[in-house]
Amino acid sequence: MFKRIVPNDGEMVTLKVEDQPVTVPAGDSVAAAVYAAGFNHFRESSISNRPRAPYCMMGVCFECLVEIDGSPNHQACMTTVRDGMSIRIQKGLRGVES
């Protein structure tokens, strides 16, 4: 479904998506890494618990919210991967962190 259009410079990082190790090019967004891991949804709606996925891929819609390293409400499309990060599908309503 998705195809890389920019050549990779060779630098790779390894992270975990739902405890599954994934190696992706450095500089990729978390959204690209989650898709590369084979997941087709990033969060569950806080009202209906239905699966949601990125819509705009530019930080406007907030449909790509994920939990990163135990912290909820990160926009996957606006966050760059880093080696060792842990990403989880966000389930239901999450509070606002201060």
Protein backbone atom coordinates (compact mmCIF):
# COMPACT_ATOMS: atom_id res chain seq x y z
CA MET A 1 0.00 0.00 0.00
CA PHE A 2 2.79 2.46 0.89
CA LYS A 3 6.06 2.78 -0.98
CA ARG A 4 9.17 4.76 -0.05
CA ILE A 5 9.86 7.52 -2.54
CA VAL A 6 12.98 8.99 -0.92
CA PRO A 7 16.19 6.94 -1.02
CA ASN A 8 17.43 5.75 2.35
CA ASP A 9 20.86 7.04 3.47
CA GLY A 10 21.53 3.74 5.22
CA GLU A 11 21.16 4.75 8.88
CA MET A 12 18.64 2.54 10.64
CA VAL A 13 17.07 2.52 14.12
CA THR A 14 15.36 -0.29 15.99
CA LEU A 15 12.29 0.30 18.12
CA LYS A 16 9.35 -1.71 19.39
CA VAL A 17 5.74 -1.45 18.31
CA GLU A 18 3.48 -3.39 20.67
CA ASP A 19 6.62 -5.27 21.84
CA GLN A 20 7.44 -6.27 18.24
CA PRO A 21 10.95 -5.15 17.16
CA VAL A 22 10.95 -3.02 14.00
CA THR A 23 13.95 -1.62 12.15
CA VAL A 24 13.25 1.51 10.11
CA PRO A 25 15.30 4.28 8.51
CA ALA A 26 16.41 7.04 10.89
CA GLY A 27 14.33 10.14 10.20
CA ASP A 28 11.09 8.21 9.62
CA SER A 29 8.01 9.29 11.51
CA VAL A 30 6.55 7.06 14.19
CA ALA A 31 3.50 6.72 11.91
CA ALA A 32 5.68 5.25 9.15
CA ALA A 33 7.25 2.85 11.67
CA VAL A 34 3.85 1.67 12.93
CA TYR A 35 2.72 1.04 9.35
CA ALA A 36 6.03 -0.75 8.64
CA ALA A 37 5.33 -3.00 11.63
CA GLY A 38 2.11 -4.11 9.91
CA PHE A 39 -0.41 -2.26 12.06
CA ASN A 40 -3.33 -0.58 10.32
CA HIS A 41 -4.69 1.35 13.29
CA PHE A 42 -2.94 3.55 15.84
CA ARG A 43 -5.54 4.14 18.52
CA GLU A 44 -9.04 3.21 19.59
CA SER A 45 -11.75 5.85 19.81
CA SER A 46 -12.45 7.05 23.33
CA ILE A 47 -16.21 6.82 22.70
CA SER A 48 -16.82 3.74 20.55
CA ASN A 49 -13.46 1.92 20.92
CA ARG A 50 -13.34 1.68 17.13
CA PRO A 51 -9.92 1.60 15.46
CA ARG A 52 -8.56 4.91 14.17
CA ALA A 53 -5.58 5.60 11.88
CA PRO A 54 -3.74 8.63 10.52
CA TYR A 55 -5.81 10.73 8.18
CA CYS A 56 -3.86 13.86 7.32
CA MET A 57 -0.24 12.84 8.11
CA MET A 58 0.60 16.49 8.86
CA GLY A 59 -0.48 16.99 12.48
CA VAL A 60 -3.95 18.43 12.00
CA CYS A 61 -6.41 15.58 12.62
CA PHE A 62 -4.97 13.91 15.78
CA GLU A 63 -6.14 10.48 14.59
CA CYS A 64 -2.62 9.06 14.95
CA LEU A 65 -2.24 9.44 18.73
CA VAL A 66 -0.04 6.73 20.25
CA GLU A 67 1.68 5.97 23.52
CA ILE A 68 5.47 6.45 23.34
CA ASP A 69 7.68 5.17 26.14
CA GLY A 70 4.66 5.01 28.46
CA SER A 71 3.51 8.56 27.73
CA PRO A 72 0.13 8.90 25.92
CA ASN A 73 -1.18 11.37 23.33
CA HIS A 74 1.82 11.67 20.99
CA GLN A 75 1.07 12.47 17.35
CA ALA A 76 2.77 9.64 15.47
CA CYS A 77 2.90 11.59 12.21
CA MET A 78 4.78 14.48 13.85
CA THR A 79 7.24 12.44 15.94
CA THR A 80 10.57 11.21 14.57
CA VAL A 81 11.69 7.69 15.50
CA ARG A 82 14.66 7.18 17.77
CA ASP A 83 16.56 4.04 18.62
CA GLY A 84 15.03 2.04 21.47
CA MET A 85 11.67 3.82 21.68
CA SER A 86 8.61 1.79 22.63
CA ILE A 87 5.30 2.50 20.88
CA ARG A 88 1.89 1.21 21.90
CA ILE A 89 -1.54 1.50 20.34
CA GLN A 90 -3.50 3.98 22.43
CA LYS A 91 -6.69 2.49 23.83
CA GLY A 92 -9.64 4.63 24.85
CA LEU A 93 -9.69 7.94 26.67
CA ARG A 94 -6.39 9.25 27.98
CA GLY A 95 -5.86 12.08 30.41
CA VAL A 96 -3.81 15.18 29.75
CA GLU A 97 -0.32 15.11 31.25
CA SER A 98 1.04 18.18 32.95
